[in-house]
Amino acid sequence: MTKYRKLSHSVYHCNYHVVFTPKYRYRILEGKVKEIVE
């Protein structure tokens, strides 16, 4: 699959950036979940 997607009148490229912001400061992500997220 190519980097850019094409429609009849346009070409586009989408990227996603997810930011996880917990409400409280204690550690929520531990163990394997922490490794996957990093």
N, C-alpha and C. Protein backbone atom coordinates (compact mmCIF):
# COMPACT_ATOMS: atom_id res chain seq x y z
N MET A 1 0.84 -1.18 0.00
CA MET A 1 0.00 0.00 0.00
C MET A 1 0.88 1.24 0.00
N THR A 2 0.48 2.22 -0.72
CA THR A 2 1.29 3.42 -0.82
C THR A 2 1.08 4.34 0.37
N LYS A 3 1.97 5.29 0.50
CA LYS A 3 1.91 6.25 1.59
C LYS A 3 0.75 7.24 1.43
N TYR A 4 0.42 7.57 0.20
CA TYR A 4 -0.62 8.56 -0.08
C TYR A 4 -1.86 7.87 -0.64
N ARG A 5 -3.00 8.34 -0.25
CA ARG A 5 -4.26 7.81 -0.79
C ARG A 5 -4.80 8.78 -1.83
N LYS A 6 -5.41 8.22 -2.85
CA LYS A 6 -5.89 9.05 -3.95
C LYS A 6 -7.39 8.87 -4.13
N LEU A 7 -8.07 9.97 -4.33
CA LEU A 7 -9.47 9.99 -4.74
C LEU A 7 -9.54 10.63 -6.12
N SER A 8 -10.71 10.78 -6.64
CA SER A 8 -10.82 11.32 -8.00
C SER A 8 -10.30 12.75 -8.12
N HIS A 9 -10.44 13.56 -7.05
CA HIS A 9 -10.03 14.96 -7.13
C HIS A 9 -9.03 15.36 -6.06
N SER A 10 -8.48 14.40 -5.33
CA SER A 10 -7.56 14.78 -4.25
C SER A 10 -6.61 13.65 -3.90
N VAL A 11 -5.53 14.03 -3.24
CA VAL A 11 -4.55 13.09 -2.71
C VAL A 11 -4.33 13.47 -1.26
N TYR A 12 -4.31 12.48 -0.36
CA TYR A 12 -4.14 12.81 1.05
C TYR A 12 -3.29 11.77 1.76
N HIS A 13 -2.78 12.17 2.90
CA HIS A 13 -1.93 11.33 3.74
C HIS A 13 -2.30 11.62 5.20
N CYS A 14 -2.75 10.60 5.92
CA CYS A 14 -3.20 10.80 7.31
C CYS A 14 -2.24 10.14 8.29
N ASN A 15 -1.94 10.83 9.37
CA ASN A 15 -1.16 10.29 10.49
C ASN A 15 -1.96 10.48 11.76
N TYR A 16 -1.77 9.57 12.71
CA TYR A 16 -2.45 9.68 14.00
C TYR A 16 -1.42 9.76 15.10
N HIS A 17 -1.69 10.58 16.09
CA HIS A 17 -0.83 10.70 17.26
C HIS A 17 -1.74 10.67 18.49
N VAL A 18 -1.58 9.64 19.33
CA VAL A 18 -2.44 9.47 20.50
C VAL A 18 -1.67 9.88 21.74
N VAL A 19 -2.29 10.70 22.56
CA VAL A 19 -1.68 11.14 23.82
C VAL A 19 -2.56 10.64 24.96
N PHE A 20 -1.97 9.90 25.88
CA PHE A 20 -2.69 9.36 27.02
C PHE A 20 -2.44 10.27 28.22
N THR A 21 -3.49 10.88 28.75
CA THR A 21 -3.34 11.78 29.90
C THR A 21 -4.26 11.31 31.03
N PRO A 22 -3.70 10.65 32.03
CA PRO A 22 -4.52 10.20 33.15
C PRO A 22 -4.98 11.37 34.02
N LYS A 23 -6.11 11.18 34.67
CA LYS A 23 -6.66 12.24 35.51
C LYS A 23 -5.81 12.43 36.77
N TYR A 24 -5.30 11.34 37.31
CA TYR A 24 -4.50 11.40 38.53
C TYR A 24 -3.07 11.01 38.22
N ARG A 25 -2.14 11.38 39.07
CA ARG A 25 -0.72 11.20 38.78
C ARG A 25 -0.18 9.83 39.15
N TYR A 26 -0.93 8.98 39.84
CA TYR A 26 -0.39 7.67 40.20
C TYR A 26 -0.22 6.81 38.95
N ARG A 27 0.60 5.80 39.05
CA ARG A 27 0.95 4.99 37.88
C ARG A 27 -0.19 4.06 37.51
N ILE A 28 -0.65 4.19 36.29
CA ILE A 28 -1.72 3.34 35.78
C ILE A 28 -1.14 2.25 34.89
N LEU A 29 -0.20 2.63 34.04
CA LEU A 29 0.38 1.68 33.09
C LEU A 29 1.56 0.98 33.72
N GLU A 30 1.44 -0.32 33.89
CA GLU A 30 2.51 -1.12 34.48
C GLU A 30 2.75 -2.36 33.63
N GLY A 31 3.92 -2.93 33.76
CA GLY A 31 4.23 -4.21 33.13
C GLY A 31 4.24 -4.16 31.61
N LYS A 32 3.59 -5.18 31.00
CA LYS A 32 3.60 -5.31 29.55
C LYS A 32 2.87 -4.16 28.85
N VAL A 33 1.83 -3.64 29.49
CA VAL A 33 1.11 -2.51 28.89
C VAL A 33 2.05 -1.32 28.74
N LYS A 34 2.86 -1.07 29.75
CA LYS A 34 3.82 0.03 29.70
C LYS A 34 4.83 -0.17 28.57
N GLU A 35 5.31 -1.40 28.41
CA GLU A 35 6.29 -1.70 27.35
C GLU A 35 5.68 -1.49 25.96
N ILE A 36 4.43 -1.90 25.78
CA ILE A 36 3.77 -1.76 24.47
C ILE A 36 3.57 -0.29 24.13
N VAL A 37 3.16 0.51 25.11
CA VAL A 37 2.88 1.92 24.87
C VAL A 37 4.16 2.68 24.54
N GLU A 38 5.26 2.34 25.19
CA GLU A 38 6.52 3.04 24.93
C GLU A 38 7.01 2.66 23.56
